[in-house]
C-alpha atoms as a PDB file:
ATOM      1  CA  MET A   1     141.207 109.179 163.686  1.00  0.00           C
ATOM      2  CA  SER A   2     140.083 111.852 166.084  1.00  0.00           C
ATOM      3  CA  SER A   3     139.198 110.978 169.644  1.00  0.00           C
ATOM      4  CA  LEU A   4     136.072 108.918 170.057  1.00  0.00           C
ATOM      5  CA  GLU A   5     133.093 110.137 172.032  1.00  0.00           C
ATOM      6  CA  LYS A   6     130.549 107.722 173.406  1.00  0.00           C
ATOM      7  CA  ARG A   7     126.842 108.231 172.752  1.00  0.00           C
ATOM      8  CA  THR A   8     123.789 106.332 173.852  1.00  0.00           C
ATOM      9  CA  ILE A   9     121.042 106.105 171.241  1.00  0.00           C
ATOM     10  CA  SER A  10     117.630 104.516 171.000  1.00  0.00           C
ATOM     11  CA  LEU A  11     116.464 102.878 167.785  1.00  0.00           C
ATOM     12  CA  PRO A  12     113.275 101.257 166.598  1.00  0.00           C
ATOM     13  CA  GLY A  13     113.508  97.458 166.525  1.00  0.00           C
ATOM     14  CA  GLU A  14     113.662  97.337 162.740  1.00  0.00           C
ATOM     15  CA  GLN A  15     116.707  99.619 162.611  1.00  0.00           C
ATOM     16  CA  ALA A  16     118.452  97.790 165.453  1.00  0.00           C
ATOM     17  CA  ALA A  17     117.824  94.462 163.711  1.00  0.00           C
ATOM     18  CA  TYR A  18     119.231  95.867 160.456  1.00  0.00           C
ATOM     19  CA  ILE A  19     122.419  96.956 162.227  1.00  0.00           C
ATOM     20  CA  ASP A  20     122.733  93.580 163.952  1.00  0.00           C
ATOM     21  CA  ALA A  21     122.259  91.788 160.629  1.00  0.00           C
ATOM     22  CA  LYS A  22     125.008  93.867 158.970  1.00  0.00           C
ATOM     23  CA  VAL A  23     127.400  92.972 161.781  1.00  0.00           C
ATOM     24  CA  ALA A  24     126.353  89.301 161.799  1.00  0.00           C
ATOM     25  CA  ALA A  25     126.866  89.091 158.029  1.00  0.00           C
ATOM     26  CA  GLY A  26     130.406  90.385 158.451  1.00  0.00           C
ATOM     27  CA  ASP A  27     129.746  93.572 156.487  1.00  0.00           C
ATOM     28  CA  TYR A  28     130.910  95.572 159.500  1.00  0.00           C
ATOM     29  CA  ALA A  29     132.955  94.608 162.544  1.00  0.00           C
ATOM     30  CA  SER A  30     130.769  96.438 165.056  1.00  0.00           C
ATOM     31  CA  VAL A  31     127.580  98.374 165.617  1.00  0.00           C
ATOM     32  CA  SER A  32     129.680 101.542 165.812  1.00  0.00           C
ATOM     33  CA  GLU A  33     131.087 100.920 162.330  1.00  0.00           C
ATOM     34  CA  VAL A  34     127.566 100.590 160.912  1.00  0.00           C
ATOM     35  CA  VAL A  35     126.483 103.838 162.554  1.00  0.00           C
ATOM     36  CA  ARG A  36     129.622 105.656 161.362  1.00  0.00           C
ATOM     37  CA  ALA A  37     129.019 104.431 157.793  1.00  0.00           C
ATOM     38  CA  GLY A  38     125.424 105.651 157.993  1.00  0.00           C
ATOM     39  CA  LEU A  39     126.532 109.052 159.240  1.00  0.00           C
ATOM     40  CA  ARG A  40     129.121 109.317 156.454  1.00  0.00           C
ATOM     41  CA  ALA A  41     126.402 108.531 153.888  1.00  0.00           C
ATOM     42  CA  LEU A  42     124.074 111.111 155.458  1.00  0.00           C
ATOM     43  CA  LYS A  43     126.838 113.726 155.377  1.00  0.00           C
ATOM     44  CA  GLU A  44     127.581 112.940 151.699  1.00  0.00           C
ATOM     45  CA  ARG A  45     123.872 113.264 150.836  1.00  0.00           C
ATOM     46  CA  ASP A  46     123.585 116.573 152.698  1.00  0.00           C
ATOM     47  CA  GLU A  47     126.676 117.893 150.901  1.00  0.00           C
ATOM     48  CA  ALA A  48     125.264 116.768 147.520  1.00  0.00           C
ATOM     49  CA  VAL A  49     121.980 118.578 148.217  1.00  0.00           C
ATOM     50  CA  GLU A  50     123.885 121.719 149.229  1.00  0.00           C
ATOM     51  CA  ARG A  51     125.968 121.557 146.003  1.00  0.00           C
ATOM     52  CA  TRP A  52     122.795 121.110 143.922  1.00  0.00           C
ATOM     53  CA  LEU A  53     121.107 124.053 145.622  1.00  0.00           C
ATOM     54  CA  ARG A  54     124.185 126.253 145.244  1.00  0.00           C
ATOM     55  CA  ASP A  55     125.228 125.216 141.716  1.00  0.00           C
ATOM     56  CA  GLU A  56     121.871 124.594 140.011  1.00  0.00           C
ATOM     57  CA  VAL A  57     118.854 125.839 141.942  1.00  0.00           C
ATOM     58  CA  ALA A  58     120.135 129.244 143.057  1.00  0.00           C
ATOM     59  CA  PRO A  59     121.517 130.226 139.609  1.00  0.00           C
ATOM     60  CA  THR A  60     118.265 129.121 137.952  1.00  0.00           C
ATOM     61  CA  PHE A  61     116.230 131.139 140.437  1.00  0.00           C
ATOM     62  CA  ASP A  62     118.470 134.172 139.893  1.00  0.00           C
ATOM     63  CA  ALA A  63     118.089 133.821 136.116  1.00  0.00           C
ATOM     64  CA  MET A  64     114.294 133.654 136.451  1.00  0.00           C
ATOM     65  CA  VAL A  65     114.268 136.774 138.629  1.00  0.00           C
ATOM     66  CA  ALA A  66     116.495 138.581 136.117  1.00  0.00           C
ATOM     67  CA  ASP A  67     114.349 137.502 133.136  1.00  0.00           C
ATOM     68  CA  PRO A  68     110.812 136.419 134.110  1.00  0.00           C
ATOM     69  CA  SER A  69     109.943 135.822 130.445  1.00  0.00           C
ATOM     70  CA  ARG A  70     111.863 132.533 130.721  1.00  0.00           C
ATOM     71  CA  ALA A  71     109.087 131.137 132.911  1.00  0.00           C
ATOM     72  CA  MET A  72     106.415 128.720 131.680  1.00  0.00           C
ATOM     73  CA  ASP A  73     102.896 128.625 132.995  1.00  0.00           C
ATOM     74  CA  GLY A  74     101.459 125.489 134.572  1.00  0.00           C
ATOM     75  CA  THR A  75      99.419 124.596 131.484  1.00  0.00           C
ATOM     76  CA  GLU A  76     102.520 124.580 129.277  1.00  0.00           C
ATOM     77  CA  ILE A  77     104.471 122.514 131.783  1.00  0.00           C
ATOM     78  CA  ALA A  78     101.640 119.978 132.064  1.00  0.00           C
ATOM     79  CA  ALA A  79     101.413 119.686 128.268  1.00  0.00           C
ATOM     80  CA  ARG A  80     105.165 119.126 127.950  1.00  0.00           C
ATOM     81  CA  LEU A  81     105.148 116.496 130.706  1.00  0.00           C
ATOM     82  CA  LYS A  82     102.202 114.713 129.110  1.00  0.00           C
ATOM     83  CA  ALA A  83     103.916 114.683 125.706  1.00  0.00           C
ATOM     84  CA  HIS A  84     107.170 113.451 127.228  1.00  0.00           C
ATOM     85  CA  HIS A  85     105.402 110.693 129.145  1.00  0.00           C
ATOM     86  CA  SER A  86     103.404 109.624 126.076  1.00  0.00           C
ATOM     87  CA  LYS A  87     106.592 109.430 124.003  1.00  0.00           C
ATOM     88  CA  ARG A  88     108.327 107.300 126.630  1.00  0.00           C
ATOM     89  CA  LEU A  89     105.380 104.918 126.776  1.00  0.00           C
ATOM     90  CA  LYS A  90     105.312 104.686 122.975  1.00  0.00           C
ATOM     91  CA  ASP A  91     109.086 104.061 122.798  1.00  0.00           C
ATOM     92  CA  ARG A  92     108.778 101.131 125.237  1.00  0.00           C
ATOM     93  CA  ARG A  93     106.462  99.259 122.886  1.00  0.00           C
END
């Protein structure tokens, strides 16, 4: 592990209590471990969003710019969503 750097942070009571509960339950050995796990999860989420933007959103945007006829107007989108929702409700019964 790389060298550790100390930080002082302030948390709302609810978050501090959550951390304390995780340590008390034995899920983590220390407050620092809880915070490190949270930061790892945040980093993973940020990386997943970046991958989604790079691999799905940007290519879709580029395709729409290259061929605007692929676009749907709001009325068509609303109709498709309504039909999809109605079908899902019907299938549940």
